[in-house]
Amino acid sequence: LKDFPNTYAFTKCVAEDVVRKEGQSLPIALYRPSIVIATVKEPVAG
């Protein structure tokens, strides 16, 4: 892991390299949300 805090962040970082290398011929994108918490209003508030 080196300077990564856990296996989750570490493997997510490696997975992004898979997207970069293997996805060149595809209509693909990388989406990075931060800490996800409750809904604002849809479909149920909170």
All heavy atoms as atom14 arrays in JSON, in Angstrom:
{
  "sequence": "LKDFPNTYAFTKCVAEDVVRKEGQSLPIALYRPSIVIATVKEPVAG",
  "atom14_mask": [
    [1, 1, 1, 1, 1, 1, 1, 1, 0, 0, 0, 0, 0, 0],
    [1, 1, 1, 1, 1, 1, 1, 1, 1, 0, 0, 0, 0, 0],
    [1, 1, 1, 1, 1, 1, 1, 1, 0, 0, 0, 0, 0, 0],
    [1, 1, 1, 1, 1, 1, 1, 1, 1, 1, 1, 0, 0, 0],
    [1, 1, 1, 1, 1, 1, 1, 0, 0, 0, 0, 0, 0, 0],
    [1, 1, 1, 1, 1, 1, 1, 1, 0, 0, 0, 0, 0, 0],
    [1, 1, 1, 1, 1, 1, 1, 0, 0, 0, 0, 0, 0, 0],
    [1, 1, 1, 1, 1, 1, 1, 1, 1, 1, 1, 1, 0, 0],
    [1, 1, 1, 1, 1, 0, 0, 0, 0, 0, 0, 0, 0, 0],
    [1, 1, 1, 1, 1, 1, 1, 1, 1, 1, 1, 0, 0, 0],
    [1, 1, 1, 1, 1, 1, 1, 0, 0, 0, 0, 0, 0, 0],
    [1, 1, 1, 1, 1, 1, 1, 1, 1, 0, 0, 0, 0, 0],
    [1, 1, 1, 1, 1, 1, 0, 0, 0, 0, 0, 0, 0, 0],
    [1, 1, 1, 1, 1, 1, 1, 0, 0, 0, 0, 0, 0, 0],
    [1, 1, 1, 1, 1, 0, 0, 0, 0, 0, 0, 0, 0, 0],
    [1, 1, 1, 1, 1, 1, 1, 1, 1, 0, 0, 0, 0, 0],
    [1, 1, 1, 1, 1, 1, 1, 1, 0, 0, 0, 0, 0, 0],
    [1, 1, 1, 1, 1, 1, 1, 0, 0, 0, 0, 0, 0, 0],
    [1, 1, 1, 1, 1, 1, 1, 0, 0, 0, 0, 0, 0, 0],
    [1, 1, 1, 1, 1, 1, 1, 1, 1, 1, 1, 0, 0, 0],
    [1, 1, 1, 1, 1, 1, 1, 1, 1, 0, 0, 0, 0, 0],
    [1, 1, 1, 1, 1, 1, 1, 1, 1, 0, 0, 0, 0, 0],
    [1, 1, 1, 1, 0, 0, 0, 0, 0, 0, 0, 0, 0, 0],
    [1, 1, 1, 1, 1, 1, 1, 1, 1, 0, 0, 0, 0, 0],
    [1, 1, 1, 1, 1, 1, 0, 0, 0, 0, 0, 0, 0, 0],
    [1, 1, 1, 1, 1, 1, 1, 1, 0, 0, 0, 0, 0, 0],
    [1, 1, 1, 1, 1, 1, 1, 0, 0, 0, 0, 0, 0, 0],
    [1, 1, 1, 1, 1, 1, 1, 1, 0, 0, 0, 0, 0, 0],
    [1, 1, 1, 1, 1, 0, 0, 0, 0, 0, 0, 0, 0, 0],
    [1, 1, 1, 1, 1, 1, 1, 1, 0, 0, 0, 0, 0, 0],
    [1, 1, 1, 1, 1, 1, 1, 1, 1, 1, 1, 1, 0, 0],
    [1, 1, 1, 1, 1, 1, 1, 1, 1, 1, 1, 0, 0, 0],
    [1, 1, 1, 1, 1, 1, 1, 0, 0, 0, 0, 0, 0, 0],
    [1, 1, 1, 1, 1, 1, 0, 0, 0, 0, 0, 0, 0, 0],
    [1, 1, 1, 1, 1, 1, 1, 1, 0, 0, 0, 0, 0, 0],
    [1, 1, 1, 1, 1, 1, 1, 0, 0, 0, 0, 0, 0, 0],
    [1, 1, 1, 1, 1, 1, 1, 1, 0, 0, 0, 0, 0, 0],
    [1, 1, 1, 1, 1, 0, 0, 0, 0, 0, 0, 0, 0, 0],
    [1, 1, 1, 1, 1, 1, 1, 0, 0, 0, 0, 0, 0, 0],
    [1, 1, 1, 1, 1, 1, 1, 0, 0, 0, 0, 0, 0, 0],
    [1, 1, 1, 1, 1, 1, 1, 1, 1, 0, 0, 0, 0, 0],
    [1, 1, 1, 1, 1, 1, 1, 1, 1, 0, 0, 0, 0, 0],
    [1, 1, 1, 1, 1, 1, 1, 0, 0, 0, 0, 0, 0, 0],
    [1, 1, 1, 1, 1, 1, 1, 0, 0, 0, 0, 0, 0, 0],
    [1, 1, 1, 1, 1, 0, 0, 0, 0, 0, 0, 0, 0, 0],
    [1, 1, 1, 1, 0, 0, 0, 0, 0, 0, 0, 0, 0, 0]
  ],
  "atom14_positions": [
    [[0.82, -1.22, 0.0], [0.0, 0.0, 0.0], [0.85, 1.27, 0.0], [0.4, 2.32, -0.48], [-0.92, 0.02, 1.22], [-2.0, -1.07, 1.31], [-2.89, -0.83, 2.52], [-2.83, -1.13, 0.05], [0.0, 0.0, 0.0], [0.0, 0.0, 0.0], [0.0, 0.0, 0.0], [0.0, 0.0, 0.0], [0.0, 0.0, 0.0], [0.0, 0.0, 0.0]],
    [[2.05, 1.2, 0.57], [2.94, 2.37, 0.66], [2.23, 3.5, 1.4], [1.9, 3.38, 2.56], [3.41, 2.79, -0.73], [4.27, 1.73, -1.41], [4.73, 2.18, -2.79], [5.57, 1.11, -3.46], [5.99, 1.48, -4.83], [0.0, 0.0, 0.0], [0.0, 0.0, 0.0], [0.0, 0.0, 0.0], [0.0, 0.0, 0.0], [0.0, 0.0, 0.0]],
    [[1.98, 4.64, 0.72], [1.39, 5.79, 1.4], [-0.13, 5.87, 1.25], [-0.73, 6.92, 1.49], [2.03, 7.09, 0.92], [2.02, 7.22, -0.6], [1.67, 6.25, -1.29], [2.38, 8.31, -1.1], [0.0, 0.0, 0.0], [0.0, 0.0, 0.0], [0.0, 0.0, 0.0], [0.0, 0.0, 0.0], [0.0, 0.0, 0.0], [0.0, 0.0, 0.0]],
    [[-0.77, 4.76, 0.83], [-2.22, 4.72, 0.78], [-2.76, 4.22, 2.12], [-2.18, 3.32, 2.73], [-2.7, 3.79, -0.34], [-2.65, 4.42, -1.7], [-1.47, 4.44, -2.43], [-3.78, 5.02, -2.25], [-1.41, 5.02, -3.67], [-3.73, 5.6, -3.5], [-2.55, 5.61, -4.22], [0.0, 0.0, 0.0], [0.0, 0.0, 0.0], [0.0, 0.0, 0.0]],
    [[-3.88, 4.77, 2.61], [-4.36, 4.44, 3.95], [-5.06, 3.09, 4.06], [-5.16, 2.53, 5.15], [-5.34, 5.57, 4.27], [-5.86, 5.99, 2.92], [-4.69, 5.84, 1.99], [0.0, 0.0, 0.0], [0.0, 0.0, 0.0], [0.0, 0.0, 0.0], [0.0, 0.0, 0.0], [0.0, 0.0, 0.0], [0.0, 0.0, 0.0], [0.0, 0.0, 0.0]],
    [[-5.58, 2.55, 2.94], [-6.34, 1.31, 3.0], [-6.41, 0.66, 1.62], [-6.04, 1.27, 0.61], [-7.75, 1.57, 3.54], [-8.44, 2.72, 2.81], [-8.69, 2.64, 1.61], [-8.71, 3.8, 3.52], [0.0, 0.0, 0.0], [0.0, 0.0, 0.0], [0.0, 0.0, 0.0], [0.0, 0.0, 0.0], [0.0, 0.0, 0.0], [0.0, 0.0, 0.0]],
    [[-6.88, -0.58, 1.59], [-6.94, -1.32, 0.33], [-7.99, -0.75, -0.61], [-7.88, -0.9, -1.83], [-7.26, -2.8, 0.6], [-8.49, -2.9, 1.34], [-6.15, -3.46, 1.39], [0.0, 0.0, 0.0], [0.0, 0.0, 0.0], [0.0, 0.0, 0.0], [0.0, 0.0, 0.0], [0.0, 0.0, 0.0], [0.0, 0.0, 0.0], [0.0, 0.0, 0.0]],
    [[-9.01, -0.08, -0.07], [-10.06, 0.51, -0.92], [-9.49, 1.59, -1.83], [-9.62, 1.53, -3.05], [-11.17, 1.07, -0.04], [-12.2, 1.88, -0.81], [-13.07, 1.26, -1.69], [-12.31, 3.26, -0.63], [-14.02, 1.99, -2.39], [-13.25, 4.0, -1.32], [-14.1, 3.36, -2.2], [-15.03, 4.1, -2.9], [0.0, 0.0, 0.0], [0.0, 0.0, 0.0]],
    [[-8.86, 2.6, -1.23], [-8.29, 3.7, -2.02], [-7.2, 3.19, -2.96], [-7.1, 3.63, -4.12], [-7.74, 4.78, -1.09], [0.0, 0.0, 0.0], [0.0, 0.0, 0.0], [0.0, 0.0, 0.0], [0.0, 0.0, 0.0], [0.0, 0.0, 0.0], [0.0, 0.0, 0.0], [0.0, 0.0, 0.0], [0.0, 0.0, 0.0], [0.0, 0.0, 0.0]],
    [[-6.4, 2.26, -2.47], [-5.3, 1.71, -3.26], [-5.81, 1.02, -4.53], [-5.34, 1.29, -5.64], [-4.5, 0.74, -2.4], [-3.4, 0.02, -3.13], [-2.18, 0.63, -3.36], [-3.58, -1.29, -3.56], [-1.16, -0.04, -4.03], [-2.57, -1.97, -4.23], [-1.35, -1.34, -4.46], [0.0, 0.0, 0.0], [0.0, 0.0, 0.0], [0.0, 0.0, 0.0]],
    [[-6.78, 0.1, -4.37], [-7.27, -0.64, -5.53], [-8.1, 0.25, -6.46], [-8.12, 0.03, -7.67], [-8.11, -1.85, -5.09], [-9.13, -1.42, -4.15], [-7.23, -2.89, -4.42], [0.0, 0.0, 0.0], [0.0, 0.0, 0.0], [0.0, 0.0, 0.0], [0.0, 0.0, 0.0], [0.0, 0.0, 0.0], [0.0, 0.0, 0.0], [0.0, 0.0, 0.0]],
    [[-8.75, 1.26, -5.92], [-9.47, 2.2, -6.77], [-8.5, 2.99, -7.65], [-8.8, 3.3, -8.81], [-10.31, 3.16, -5.91], [-11.64, 2.59, -5.46], [-12.58, 2.37, -6.63], [-13.98, 2.07, -6.2], [-14.9, 1.92, -7.35], [0.0, 0.0, 0.0], [0.0, 0.0, 0.0], [0.0, 0.0, 0.0], [0.0, 0.0, 0.0], [0.0, 0.0, 0.0]],
    [[-7.33, 3.32, -7.1], [-6.31, 4.03, -7.87], [-5.8, 3.14, -9.0], [-5.66, 3.59, -10.15], [-5.16, 4.43, -6.95], [-3.81, 5.29, -7.79], [0.0, 0.0, 0.0], [0.0, 0.0, 0.0], [0.0, 0.0, 0.0], [0.0, 0.0, 0.0], [0.0, 0.0, 0.0], [0.0, 0.0, 0.0], [0.0, 0.0, 0.0], [0.0, 0.0, 0.0]],
    [[-5.52, 1.88, -8.7], [-5.04, 0.96, -9.74], [-6.11, 0.74, -10.81], [-5.8, 0.65, -12.0], [-4.63, -0.39, -9.1], [-4.2, -1.39, -10.17], [-3.5, -0.18, -8.09], [0.0, 0.0, 0.0], [0.0, 0.0, 0.0], [0.0, 0.0, 0.0], [0.0, 0.0, 0.0], [0.0, 0.0, 0.0], [0.0, 0.0, 0.0], [0.0, 0.0, 0.0]],
    [[-7.38, 0.67, -10.38], [-8.48, 0.47, -11.33], [-8.59, 1.62, -12.33], [-8.95, 1.41, -13.49], [-9.79, 0.3, -10.57], [0.0, 0.0, 0.0], [0.0, 0.0, 0.0], [0.0, 0.0, 0.0], [0.0, 0.0, 0.0], [0.0, 0.0, 0.0], [0.0, 0.0, 0.0], [0.0, 0.0, 0.0], [0.0, 0.0, 0.0], [0.0, 0.0, 0.0]],
    [[-8.27, 2.83, -11.89], [-8.32, 3.97, -12.81], [-7.3, 3.81, -13.93], [-7.54, 4.24, -15.08], [-8.08, 5.27, -12.03], [-9.23, 5.64, -11.1], [-9.05, 7.0, -10.47], [-8.01, 7.66, -10.74], [-9.94, 7.42, -9.71], [0.0, 0.0, 0.0], [0.0, 0.0, 0.0], [0.0, 0.0, 0.0], [0.0, 0.0, 0.0], [0.0, 0.0, 0.0]],
    [[-6.17, 3.19, -13.62], [-5.18, 2.94, -14.67], [-5.69, 1.91, -15.67], [-5.35, 1.98, -16.85], [-3.87, 2.46, -14.03], [-2.71, 2.5, -15.01], [-2.48, 3.57, -15.61], [-2.03, 1.48, -15.17], [0.0, 0.0, 0.0], [0.0, 0.0, 0.0], [0.0, 0.0, 0.0], [0.0, 0.0, 0.0], [0.0, 0.0, 0.0], [0.0, 0.0, 0.0]],
    [[-6.51, 0.98, -15.19], [-7.16, 0.02, -16.11], [-8.07, 0.76, -17.07], [-8.08, 0.48, -18.28], [-7.97, -1.03, -15.31], [-8.72, -1.96, -16.26], [-7.06, -1.84, -14.41], [0.0, 0.0, 0.0], [0.0, 0.0, 0.0], [0.0, 0.0, 0.0], [0.0, 0.0, 0.0], [0.0, 0.0, 0.0], [0.0, 0.0, 0.0], [0.0, 0.0, 0.0]],
    [[-8.83, 1.71, -16.56], [-9.72, 2.51, -17.41], [-8.92, 3.27, -18.45], [-9.28, 3.32, -19.63], [-10.56, 3.49, -16.55], [-11.37, 4.43, -17.43], [-11.47, 2.72, -15.61], [0.0, 0.0, 0.0], [0.0, 0.0, 0.0], [0.0, 0.0, 0.0], [0.0, 0.0, 0.0], [0.0, 0.0, 0.0], [0.0, 0.0, 0.0], [0.0, 0.0, 0.0]],
    [[-7.81, 3.87, -18.02], [-6.98, 4.66, -18.95], [-6.38, 3.79, -20.05], [-6.39, 4.19, -21.22], [-5.86, 5.36, -18.17], [-4.87, 6.08, -19.08], [-3.91, 6.98, -18.32], [-3.11, 6.24, -17.35], [-2.15, 6.82, -16.62], [-1.89, 8.11, -16.77], [-1.45, 6.12, -15.76], [0.0, 0.0, 0.0], [0.0, 0.0, 0.0], [0.0, 0.0, 0.0]],
    [[-5.9, 2.61, -19.7], [-5.2, 1.77, -20.68], [-6.16, 0.96, -21.54], [-5.98, 0.85, -22.76], [-4.22, 0.85, -19.97], [-3.03, 1.57, -19.36], [-2.1, 0.6, -18.66], [-0.87, 1.3, -18.1], [0.03, 0.37, -17.35], [0.0, 0.0, 0.0], [0.0, 0.0, 0.0], [0.0, 0.0, 0.0], [0.0, 0.0, 0.0], [0.0, 0.0, 0.0]],
    [[-7.16, 0.35, -20.89], [-8.05, -0.55, -21.62], [-9.22, 0.15, -22.29], [-9.86, -0.42, -23.17], [-8.59, -1.63, -20.66], [-7.53, -2.51, -20.04], [-6.85, -3.41, -21.06], [-7.46, -3.69, -22.11], [-5.7, -3.83, -20.8], [0.0, 0.0, 0.0], [0.0, 0.0, 0.0], [0.0, 0.0, 0.0], [0.0, 0.0, 0.0], [0.0, 0.0, 0.0]],
    [[-9.5, 1.38, -21.86], [-10.69, 2.06, -22.36], [-10.48, 3.02, -23.51], [-11.41, 3.75, -23.88], [0.0, 0.0, 0.0], [0.0, 0.0, 0.0], [0.0, 0.0, 0.0], [0.0, 0.0, 0.0], [0.0, 0.0, 0.0], [0.0, 0.0, 0.0], [0.0, 0.0, 0.0], [0.0, 0.0, 0.0], [0.0, 0.0, 0.0], [0.0, 0.0, 0.0]],
    [[-9.28, 3.04, -24.08], [-8.98, 4.02, -25.13], [-9.91, 3.93, -26.34], [-10.23, 4.93, -26.96], [-7.53, 3.85, -25.6], [-6.5, 4.5, -24.7], [-6.65, 6.02, -24.62], [-7.06, 6.66, -25.58], [-6.34, 6.57, -23.46], [0.0, 0.0, 0.0], [0.0, 0.0, 0.0], [0.0, 0.0, 0.0], [0.0, 0.0, 0.0], [0.0, 0.0, 0.0]],
    [[-10.35, 2.73, -26.66], [-11.2, 2.57, -27.86], [-12.69, 2.69, -27.54], [-13.52, 2.51, -28.43], [-10.93, 1.19, -28.49], [-11.25, 0.15, -27.58], [0.0, 0.0, 0.0], [0.0, 0.0, 0.0], [0.0, 0.0, 0.0], [0.0, 0.0, 0.0], [0.0, 0.0, 0.0], [0.0, 0.0, 0.0], [0.0, 0.0, 0.0], [0.0, 0.0, 0.0]],
    [[-13.01, 2.99, -26.27], [-14.41, 3.03, -25.85], [-14.89, 4.45, -25.54], [-14.08, 5.31, -25.18], [-14.59, 2.17, -24.59], [-14.36, 0.67, -24.7], [-14.5, 0.04, -23.33], [-15.32, 0.04, -25.69], [0.0, 0.0, 0.0], [0.0, 0.0, 0.0], [0.0, 0.0, 0.0], [0.0, 0.0, 0.0], [0.0, 0.0, 0.0], [0.0, 0.0, 0.0]],
    [[-16.21, 4.67, -25.64], [-16.79, 5.94, -25.15], [-16.93, 5.86, -23.63], [-18.0, 5.6, -23.09], [-18.14, 5.99, -25.85], [-18.51, 4.55, -26.05], [-17.22, 3.82, -26.28], [0.0, 0.0, 0.0], [0.0, 0.0, 0.0], [0.0, 0.0, 0.0], [0.0, 0.0, 0.0], [0.0, 0.0, 0.0], [0.0, 0.0, 0.0], [0.0, 0.0, 0.0]],
    [[-15.83, 6.05, -22.93], [-15.77, 5.79, -21.49], [-15.33, 7.03, -20.73], [-14.66, 7.91, -21.29], [-14.79, 4.61, -21.2], [-14.93, 4.09, -19.78], [-13.35, 5.01, -21.5], [-14.18, 2.79, -19.53], [0.0, 0.0, 0.0], [0.0, 0.0, 0.0], [0.0, 0.0, 0.0], [0.0, 0.0, 0.0], [0.0, 0.0, 0.0], [0.0, 0.0, 0.0]],
    [[-15.72, 7.12, -19.48], [-15.31, 8.25, -18.63], [-15.12, 7.76, -17.2], [-15.66, 6.73, -16.79], [-16.34, 9.36, -18.67], [0.0, 0.0, 0.0], [0.0, 0.0, 0.0], [0.0, 0.0, 0.0], [0.0, 0.0, 0.0], [0.0, 0.0, 0.0], [0.0, 0.0, 0.0], [0.0, 0.0, 0.0], [0.0, 0.0, 0.0], [0.0, 0.0, 0.0]],
    [[-14.34, 8.52, -16.48], [-14.05, 8.23, -15.07], [-14.77, 9.25, -14.21], [-14.66, 10.46, -14.43], [-12.54, 8.3, -14.83], [-12.03, 8.09, -13.4], [-12.35, 6.69, -12.92], [-10.53, 8.36, -13.33], [0.0, 0.0, 0.0], [0.0, 0.0, 0.0], [0.0, 0.0, 0.0], [0.0, 0.0, 0.0], [0.0, 0.0, 0.0], [0.0, 0.0, 0.0]],
    [[-15.52, 8.77, -13.23], [-16.33, 9.64, -12.37], [-15.9, 9.42, -10.93], [-15.92, 8.3, -10.43], [-17.81, 9.31, -12.56], [-18.74, 10.11, -11.69], [-19.26, 11.32, -12.13], [-19.12, 9.65, -10.43], [-20.12, 12.06, -11.33], [-19.98, 10.38, -9.62], [-20.48, 11.58, -10.09], [-21.33, 12.31, -9.3], [0.0, 0.0, 0.0], [0.0, 0.0, 0.0]],
    [[-15.53, 10.53, -10.25], [-15.02, 10.45, -8.87], [-15.88, 11.26, -7.91], [-15.71, 12.47, -7.78], [-13.6, 10.99, -8.81], [-12.54, 10.24, -9.61], [-11.22, 10.92, -9.36], [-10.1, 10.37, -10.11], [-9.17, 11.11, -10.69], [-9.24, 12.45, -10.63], [-8.17, 10.54, -11.33], [0.0, 0.0, 0.0], [0.0, 0.0, 0.0], [0.0, 0.0, 0.0]],
    [[-16.8, 10.61, -7.19], [-17.53, 11.33, -6.13], [-16.75, 11.28, -4.82], [-15.97, 10.37, -4.59], [-18.83, 10.53, -6.02], [-18.4, 9.13, -6.36], [-17.28, 9.24, -7.37], [0.0, 0.0, 0.0], [0.0, 0.0, 0.0], [0.0, 0.0, 0.0], [0.0, 0.0, 0.0], [0.0, 0.0, 0.0], [0.0, 0.0, 0.0], [0.0, 0.0, 0.0]],
    [[-16.97, 12.27, -3.97], [-16.33, 12.23, -2.65], [-17.21, 11.43, -1.69], [-17.96, 10.55, -2.13], [-16.08, 13.65, -2.14], [-17.29, 14.37, -2.04], [0.0, 0.0, 0.0], [0.0, 0.0, 0.0], [0.0, 0.0, 0.0], [0.0, 0.0, 0.0], [0.0, 0.0, 0.0], [0.0, 0.0, 0.0], [0.0, 0.0, 0.0], [0.0, 0.0, 0.0]],
    [[-17.16, 11.68, -0.38], [-17.95, 10.92, 0.58], [-19.43, 11.15, 0.28], [-19.9, 12.29, 0.28], [-17.63, 11.35, 2.02], [-16.15, 11.1, 2.33], [-18.5, 10.6, 3.02], [-15.71, 11.65, 3.68], [0.0, 0.0, 0.0], [0.0, 0.0, 0.0], [0.0, 0.0, 0.0], [0.0, 0.0, 0.0], [0.0, 0.0, 0.0], [0.0, 0.0, 0.0]],
    [[-20.16, 10.07, 0.02], [-21.57, 10.18, -0.37], [-22.45, 10.08, 0.88], [-22.33, 9.14, 1.66], [-21.95, 9.09, -1.38], [-23.4, 9.25, -1.81], [-21.03, 9.14, -2.6], [0.0, 0.0, 0.0], [0.0, 0.0, 0.0], [0.0, 0.0, 0.0], [0.0, 0.0, 0.0], [0.0, 0.0, 0.0], [0.0, 0.0, 0.0], [0.0, 0.0, 0.0]],
    [[-23.32, 11.08, 1.04], [-24.22, 11.11, 2.2], [-25.67, 11.11, 1.71], [-25.93, 10.88, 0.54], [-23.91, 12.31, 3.11], [-23.82, 13.61, 2.28], [-22.6, 12.1, 3.85], [-23.54, 14.85, 3.13], [0.0, 0.0, 0.0], [0.0, 0.0, 0.0], [0.0, 0.0, 0.0], [0.0, 0.0, 0.0], [0.0, 0.0, 0.0], [0.0, 0.0, 0.0]],
    [[-26.62, 11.34, 2.57], [-28.05, 11.18, 2.27], [-28.52, 12.09, 1.13], [-27.87, 13.07, 0.77], [-28.87, 11.46, 3.53], [0.0, 0.0, 0.0], [0.0, 0.0, 0.0], [0.0, 0.0, 0.0], [0.0, 0.0, 0.0], [0.0, 0.0, 0.0], [0.0, 0.0, 0.0], [0.0, 0.0, 0.0], [0.0, 0.0, 0.0], [0.0, 0.0, 0.0]],
    [[-29.68, 11.75, 0.59], [-30.26, 12.52, -0.52], [-30.75, 13.88, -0.05], [-31.12, 14.06, 1.12], [-31.44, 11.76, -1.14], [-32.43, 11.53, -0.12], [-31.0, 10.43, -1.72], [0.0, 0.0, 0.0], [0.0, 0.0, 0.0], [0.0, 0.0, 0.0], [0.0, 0.0, 0.0], [0.0, 0.0, 0.0], [0.0, 0.0, 0.0], [0.0, 0.0, 0.0]],
    [[-30.77, 14.82, -0.98], [-31.34, 16.14, -0.7], [-32.87, 16.07, -0.78], [-33.58, 16.47, 0.14], [-30.82, 17.2, -1.69], [-31.47, 18.56, -1.41], [-29.31, 17.32, -1.6], [0.0, 0.0, 0.0], [0.0, 0.0, 0.0], [0.0, 0.0, 0.0], [0.0, 0.0, 0.0], [0.0, 0.0, 0.0], [0.0, 0.0, 0.0], [0.0, 0.0, 0.0]],
    [[-33.36, 15.51, -1.9], [-34.82, 15.51, -2.1], [-35.34, 14.32, -2.91], [-36.53, 14.02, -2.86], [-35.25, 16.8, -2.8], [-34.53, 17.07, -4.11], [-34.9, 18.43, -4.7], [-34.1, 18.71, -5.97], [-34.42, 20.04, -6.54], [0.0, 0.0, 0.0], [0.0, 0.0, 0.0], [0.0, 0.0, 0.0], [0.0, 0.0, 0.0], [0.0, 0.0, 0.0]],
    [[-34.48, 13.66, -3.69], [-34.96, 12.62, -4.59], [-34.42, 11.24, -4.24], [-33.23, 11.12, -3.94], [-34.53, 12.92, -6.03], [-35.18, 14.1, -6.68], [-34.78, 14.16, -8.15], [-33.72, 14.71, -8.44], [-35.54, 13.62, -9.0], [0.0, 0.0, 0.0], [0.0, 0.0, 0.0], [0.0, 0.0, 0.0], [0.0, 0.0, 0.0], [0.0, 0.0, 0.0]],
    [[-35.26, 10.24, -4.36], [-36.72, 10.28, -4.5], [-37.42, 10.53, -3.17], [-38.61, 10.82, -3.11], [-37.06, 8.88, -5.03], [-36.0, 8.01, -4.43], [-34.75, 8.84, -4.39], [0.0, 0.0, 0.0], [0.0, 0.0, 0.0], [0.0, 0.0, 0.0], [0.0, 0.0, 0.0], [0.0, 0.0, 0.0], [0.0, 0.0, 0.0], [0.0, 0.0, 0.0]],
    [[-36.63, 10.42, -2.07], [-37.12, 10.72, -0.73], [-36.07, 11.58, -0.04], [-34.89, 11.25, -0.05], [-37.34, 9.42, 0.08], [-37.85, 9.74, 1.48], [-38.29, 8.48, -0.63], [0.0, 0.0, 0.0], [0.0, 0.0, 0.0], [0.0, 0.0, 0.0], [0.0, 0.0, 0.0], [0.0, 0.0, 0.0], [0.0, 0.0, 0.0], [0.0, 0.0, 0.0]],
    [[-36.48, 12.68, 0.55], [-35.54, 13.58, 1.21], [-34.89, 12.89, 2.41], [-35.56, 12.26, 3.23], [-36.25, 14.84, 1.68], [0.0, 0.0, 0.0], [0.0, 0.0, 0.0], [0.0, 0.0, 0.0], [0.0, 0.0, 0.0], [0.0, 0.0, 0.0], [0.0, 0.0, 0.0], [0.0, 0.0, 0.0], [0.0, 0.0, 0.0], [0.0, 0.0, 0.0]],
    [[-33.55, 12.96, 2.47], [-32.82, 12.42, 3.61], [-32.64, 10.93, 3.61], [-32.21, 10.36, 4.61], [0.0, 0.0, 0.0], [0.0, 0.0, 0.0], [0.0, 0.0, 0.0], [0.0, 0.0, 0.0], [0.0, 0.0, 0.0], [0.0, 0.0, 0.0], [0.0, 0.0, 0.0], [0.0, 0.0, 0.0], [0.0, 0.0, 0.0], [0.0, 0.0, 0.0]]
  ]
}
